[in-house]
Amino acid sequence: TVPIRFVGGRELRVNADADRPPPGSSWLKVGFLDEGGRPIAGFSPEEADTIRGDSVAHRASWRGRWEVSSLSGRPVRLAFRFVNTRLYSFTVR
């Protein structure tokens, strides 16, 4: 994404359909990058847990950790990586 700055919020929620046929072929990962596009340690796309299924509120996590409040107020970019998935929206709340 373009750089964004969120204030407050503890978790990143994603509205996505990662349950497309054939079974098991859909997945989504999301990570945080700094303003220059470099991965943020602890929140990188490589550390992201795989999201599967169809939900308007998947909770993103990184190695089981979902709390993103430490990034509040910083300019960040989101990097979405997915296969056979429909991505609709995201929010920090």
N, C-alpha and C. Protein backbone atom coordinates (compact mmCIF):
# COMPACT_ATOMS: atom_id res chain seq x y z
N THR A 1 0.84 -1.19 0.00
CA THR A 1 0.00 0.00 0.00
C THR A 1 0.88 1.25 0.00
N VAL A 2 0.26 2.37 -0.17
CA VAL A 2 0.94 3.64 0.06
C VAL A 2 1.18 3.76 1.56
N PRO A 3 2.07 4.61 2.02
CA PRO A 3 2.25 4.77 3.46
C PRO A 3 0.96 5.23 4.13
N ILE A 4 0.67 4.60 5.26
CA ILE A 4 -0.49 4.97 6.07
C ILE A 4 -0.02 5.13 7.51
N ARG A 5 -0.80 5.84 8.30
CA ARG A 5 -0.48 6.01 9.71
C ARG A 5 -1.79 5.78 10.47
N PHE A 6 -1.79 4.78 11.34
CA PHE A 6 -2.99 4.55 12.14
C PHE A 6 -2.69 4.95 13.57
N VAL A 7 -3.71 5.43 14.25
CA VAL A 7 -3.57 5.85 15.63
C VAL A 7 -4.51 4.99 16.46
N GLY A 8 -3.95 4.36 17.46
CA GLY A 8 -4.74 3.45 18.26
C GLY A 8 -4.93 2.15 17.52
N GLY A 9 -5.72 1.30 18.05
CA GLY A 9 -5.96 0.00 17.43
C GLY A 9 -4.96 -1.03 17.90
N ARG A 10 -5.44 -2.23 18.08
CA ARG A 10 -4.59 -3.29 18.60
C ARG A 10 -4.39 -4.42 17.60
N GLU A 11 -5.27 -4.52 16.59
CA GLU A 11 -5.19 -5.66 15.68
C GLU A 11 -5.55 -5.26 14.27
N LEU A 12 -4.99 -6.00 13.33
CA LEU A 12 -5.28 -5.81 11.92
C LEU A 12 -6.30 -6.87 11.51
N ARG A 13 -7.42 -6.43 10.97
CA ARG A 13 -8.45 -7.33 10.48
C ARG A 13 -8.53 -7.23 8.97
N VAL A 14 -8.74 -8.36 8.31
CA VAL A 14 -8.77 -8.43 6.86
C VAL A 14 -10.05 -9.11 6.40
N ASN A 15 -10.74 -8.49 5.46
CA ASN A 15 -11.92 -9.08 4.82
C ASN A 15 -11.43 -9.74 3.55
N ALA A 16 -11.42 -11.07 3.54
CA ALA A 16 -10.90 -11.81 2.39
C ALA A 16 -11.54 -13.18 2.28
N ASP A 17 -11.60 -13.65 1.05
CA ASP A 17 -12.08 -15.01 0.76
C ASP A 17 -10.88 -15.84 0.32
N ALA A 18 -10.30 -16.57 1.27
CA ALA A 18 -9.18 -17.46 1.00
C ALA A 18 -9.67 -18.91 1.14
N ASP A 19 -10.81 -19.17 0.54
CA ASP A 19 -11.43 -20.49 0.57
C ASP A 19 -11.99 -20.81 -0.81
N ARG A 20 -11.17 -20.62 -1.81
CA ARG A 20 -11.58 -20.78 -3.20
C ARG A 20 -11.23 -22.18 -3.69
N PRO A 21 -11.99 -22.71 -4.65
CA PRO A 21 -11.65 -24.02 -5.19
C PRO A 21 -10.39 -23.95 -6.04
N PRO A 22 -9.66 -25.03 -6.18
CA PRO A 22 -9.84 -26.29 -5.47
C PRO A 22 -9.43 -26.18 -4.00
N PRO A 23 -9.95 -27.04 -3.15
CA PRO A 23 -9.67 -26.98 -1.72
C PRO A 23 -8.17 -26.94 -1.43
N GLY A 24 -7.80 -26.06 -0.50
CA GLY A 24 -6.41 -25.95 -0.08
C GLY A 24 -5.53 -25.07 -0.96
N SER A 25 -6.10 -24.51 -2.04
CA SER A 25 -5.28 -23.74 -2.97
C SER A 25 -5.22 -22.25 -2.63
N SER A 26 -6.00 -21.80 -1.66
CA SER A 26 -6.10 -20.37 -1.35
C SER A 26 -5.38 -20.06 -0.04
N TRP A 27 -4.65 -18.95 -0.03
CA TRP A 27 -4.03 -18.48 1.20
C TRP A 27 -3.69 -16.99 1.07
N LEU A 28 -3.47 -16.37 2.24
CA LEU A 28 -3.16 -14.95 2.32
C LEU A 28 -2.20 -14.72 3.47
N LYS A 29 -1.22 -13.85 3.25
CA LYS A 29 -0.32 -13.37 4.31
C LYS A 29 -0.24 -11.85 4.17
N VAL A 30 -0.10 -11.17 5.29
CA VAL A 30 0.04 -9.71 5.26
C VAL A 30 1.15 -9.32 6.22
N GLY A 31 1.98 -8.39 5.79
CA GLY A 31 3.06 -7.91 6.63
C GLY A 31 3.14 -6.40 6.62
N PHE A 32 3.87 -5.86 7.56
CA PHE A 32 4.10 -4.42 7.65
C PHE A 32 5.49 -4.09 7.15
N LEU A 33 5.58 -3.03 6.36
CA LEU A 33 6.85 -2.51 5.87
C LEU A 33 7.00 -1.08 6.38
N ASP A 34 8.24 -0.62 6.49
CA ASP A 34 8.42 0.78 6.87
C ASP A 34 8.12 1.67 5.67
N GLU A 35 8.24 2.95 5.86
CA GLU A 35 7.89 3.90 4.81
C GLU A 35 8.72 3.70 3.54
N GLY A 36 9.94 3.19 3.69
CA GLY A 36 10.81 2.93 2.56
C GLY A 36 10.61 1.58 1.91
N GLY A 37 9.69 0.78 2.44
CA GLY A 37 9.40 -0.54 1.86
C GLY A 37 10.21 -1.68 2.44
N ARG A 38 10.92 -1.44 3.55
CA ARG A 38 11.69 -2.50 4.21
C ARG A 38 10.83 -3.19 5.27
N PRO A 39 10.93 -4.52 5.39
CA PRO A 39 10.13 -5.25 6.37
C PRO A 39 10.40 -4.76 7.80
N ILE A 40 9.36 -4.69 8.60
CA ILE A 40 9.48 -4.33 10.01
C ILE A 40 9.62 -5.62 10.80
N ALA A 41 10.71 -5.74 11.55
CA ALA A 41 10.98 -6.96 12.33
C ALA A 41 9.80 -7.28 13.25
N GLY A 42 9.41 -8.53 13.23
CA GLY A 42 8.28 -9.00 14.03
C GLY A 42 6.95 -8.91 13.31
N PHE A 43 6.90 -8.15 12.20
CA PHE A 43 5.66 -7.96 11.45
C PHE A 43 5.86 -8.15 9.95
N SER A 44 6.94 -8.75 9.54
CA SER A 44 7.26 -8.88 8.12
C SER A 44 6.34 -9.89 7.44
N PRO A 45 6.21 -9.80 6.13
CA PRO A 45 5.42 -10.80 5.40
C PRO A 45 5.96 -12.22 5.61
N GLU A 46 7.26 -12.35 5.77
CA GLU A 46 7.85 -13.68 5.98
C GLU A 46 7.48 -14.26 7.34
N GLU A 47 7.20 -13.41 8.31
CA GLU A 47 6.82 -13.87 9.65
C GLU A 47 5.31 -14.03 9.81
N ALA A 48 4.56 -13.63 8.81
CA ALA A 48 3.09 -13.66 8.89
C ALA A 48 2.56 -15.08 8.92
N ASP A 49 1.55 -15.27 9.73
CA ASP A 49 0.84 -16.55 9.75
C ASP A 49 -0.10 -16.59 8.55
N THR A 50 -0.29 -17.78 8.00
CA THR A 50 -1.15 -17.96 6.83
C THR A 50 -2.61 -17.85 7.23
N ILE A 51 -3.34 -17.08 6.45
CA ILE A 51 -4.78 -16.93 6.64
C ILE A 51 -5.48 -17.78 5.59
N ARG A 52 -6.44 -18.57 6.01
CA ARG A 52 -7.25 -19.39 5.11
C ARG A 52 -8.71 -19.23 5.51
N GLY A 53 -9.62 -19.48 4.58
CA GLY A 53 -11.04 -19.39 4.87
C GLY A 53 -11.64 -18.10 4.36
N ASP A 54 -12.95 -17.99 4.52
CA ASP A 54 -13.71 -16.84 4.05
C ASP A 54 -14.27 -16.12 5.27
N SER A 55 -13.84 -14.87 5.49
CA SER A 55 -14.31 -14.12 6.65
C SER A 55 -14.21 -12.63 6.36
N VAL A 56 -15.11 -11.86 6.95
CA VAL A 56 -15.04 -10.40 6.84
C VAL A 56 -14.08 -9.84 7.90
N ALA A 57 -13.58 -10.68 8.80
CA ALA A 57 -12.75 -10.20 9.90
C ALA A 57 -11.66 -11.19 10.30
N HIS A 58 -10.87 -11.67 9.33
CA HIS A 58 -9.70 -12.48 9.69
C HIS A 58 -8.78 -11.61 10.55
N ARG A 59 -8.24 -12.15 11.62
CA ARG A 59 -7.26 -11.42 12.42
C ARG A 59 -5.86 -11.82 11.96
N ALA A 60 -5.10 -10.85 11.47
CA ALA A 60 -3.73 -11.11 11.02
C ALA A 60 -2.83 -11.35 12.23
N SER A 61 -1.83 -12.20 12.06
CA SER A 61 -0.88 -12.45 13.13
C SER A 61 0.48 -12.81 12.55
N TRP A 62 1.48 -12.69 13.40
CA TRP A 62 2.86 -12.94 13.02
C TRP A 62 3.47 -13.84 14.08
N ARG A 63 3.72 -15.10 13.68
CA ARG A 63 4.24 -16.11 14.61
C ARG A 63 3.38 -16.18 15.87
N GLY A 64 2.05 -16.12 15.65
CA GLY A 64 1.09 -16.24 16.73
C GLY A 64 0.79 -14.94 17.47
N ARG A 65 1.52 -13.89 17.18
CA ARG A 65 1.32 -12.60 17.86
C ARG A 65 0.47 -11.69 16.97
N TRP A 66 -0.58 -11.12 17.51
CA TRP A 66 -1.49 -10.31 16.71
C TRP A 66 -1.50 -8.83 17.10
N GLU A 67 -0.95 -8.46 18.23
CA GLU A 67 -0.97 -7.09 18.73
C GLU A 67 -0.11 -6.18 17.85
N VAL A 68 -0.70 -5.10 17.30
CA VAL A 68 0.01 -4.18 16.41
C VAL A 68 0.12 -2.76 16.99
N SER A 69 -0.27 -2.58 18.24
CA SER A 69 -0.29 -1.22 18.81
C SER A 69 1.10 -0.59 18.86
N SER A 70 2.17 -1.38 18.85
CA SER A 70 3.52 -0.80 18.87
C SER A 70 3.83 -0.04 17.57
N LEU A 71 3.04 -0.26 16.53
CA LEU A 71 3.22 0.43 15.25
C LEU A 71 2.38 1.70 15.14
N SER A 72 1.54 1.95 16.11
CA SER A 72 0.64 3.10 16.09
C SER A 72 1.43 4.40 15.96
N GLY A 73 0.98 5.26 15.06
CA GLY A 73 1.60 6.56 14.86
C GLY A 73 2.76 6.57 13.88
N ARG A 74 3.27 5.39 13.52
CA ARG A 74 4.37 5.29 12.55
C ARG A 74 3.83 5.21 11.14
N PRO A 75 4.51 5.80 10.17
CA PRO A 75 4.10 5.57 8.78
C PRO A 75 4.52 4.16 8.38
N VAL A 76 3.56 3.38 7.92
CA VAL A 76 3.82 1.99 7.53
C VAL A 76 3.14 1.71 6.19
N ARG A 77 3.60 0.67 5.55
CA ARG A 77 2.95 0.14 4.35
C ARG A 77 2.53 -1.29 4.67
N LEU A 78 1.47 -1.74 4.05
CA LEU A 78 1.05 -3.12 4.18
C LEU A 78 1.43 -3.87 2.91
N ALA A 79 1.95 -5.07 3.07
CA ALA A 79 2.31 -5.92 1.93
C ALA A 79 1.42 -7.16 1.99
N PHE A 80 0.55 -7.29 1.03
CA PHE A 80 -0.34 -8.46 0.95
C PHE A 80 0.23 -9.43 -0.06
N ARG A 81 0.31 -10.69 0.36
CA ARG A 81 0.74 -11.76 -0.54
C ARG A 81 -0.35 -12.83 -0.49
N PHE A 82 -0.83 -13.22 -1.66
CA PHE A 82 -1.90 -14.20 -1.67
C PHE A 82 -1.95 -14.96 -2.98
N VAL A 83 -2.58 -16.12 -2.92
CA VAL A 83 -2.80 -16.97 -4.08
C VAL A 83 -4.26 -17.38 -4.07
N ASN A 84 -4.91 -17.24 -5.22
CA ASN A 84 -6.29 -17.70 -5.38
C ASN A 84 -7.20 -17.17 -4.27
N THR A 85 -7.05 -15.89 -3.96
CA THR A 85 -7.78 -15.25 -2.86
C THR A 85 -8.38 -13.95 -3.33
N ARG A 86 -9.54 -13.63 -2.81
CA ARG A 86 -10.17 -12.33 -3.07
C ARG A 86 -9.99 -11.48 -1.81
N LEU A 87 -9.30 -10.35 -1.96
CA LEU A 87 -9.04 -9.42 -0.87
C LEU A 87 -9.99 -8.23 -1.05
N TYR A 88 -10.77 -7.93 -0.01
CA TYR A 88 -11.76 -6.87 -0.12
C TYR A 88 -11.37 -5.62 0.65
N SER A 89 -10.94 -5.77 1.90
CA SER A 89 -10.62 -4.59 2.71
C SER A 89 -9.81 -5.00 3.93
N PHE A 90 -9.29 -3.99 4.63
CA PHE A 90 -8.59 -4.23 5.88
C PHE A 90 -8.86 -3.06 6.80
N THR A 91 -8.69 -3.28 8.10
CA THR A 91 -8.88 -2.23 9.10
C THR A 91 -8.02 -2.53 10.31
N VAL A 92 -7.61 -1.50 11.01
CA VAL A 92 -6.94 -1.65 12.29
C VAL A 92 -7.93 -1.20 13.35
N ARG A 93 -8.17 -2.06 14.31
CA ARG A 93 -9.12 -1.69 15.37
C ARG A 93 -8.67 -2.20 16.71
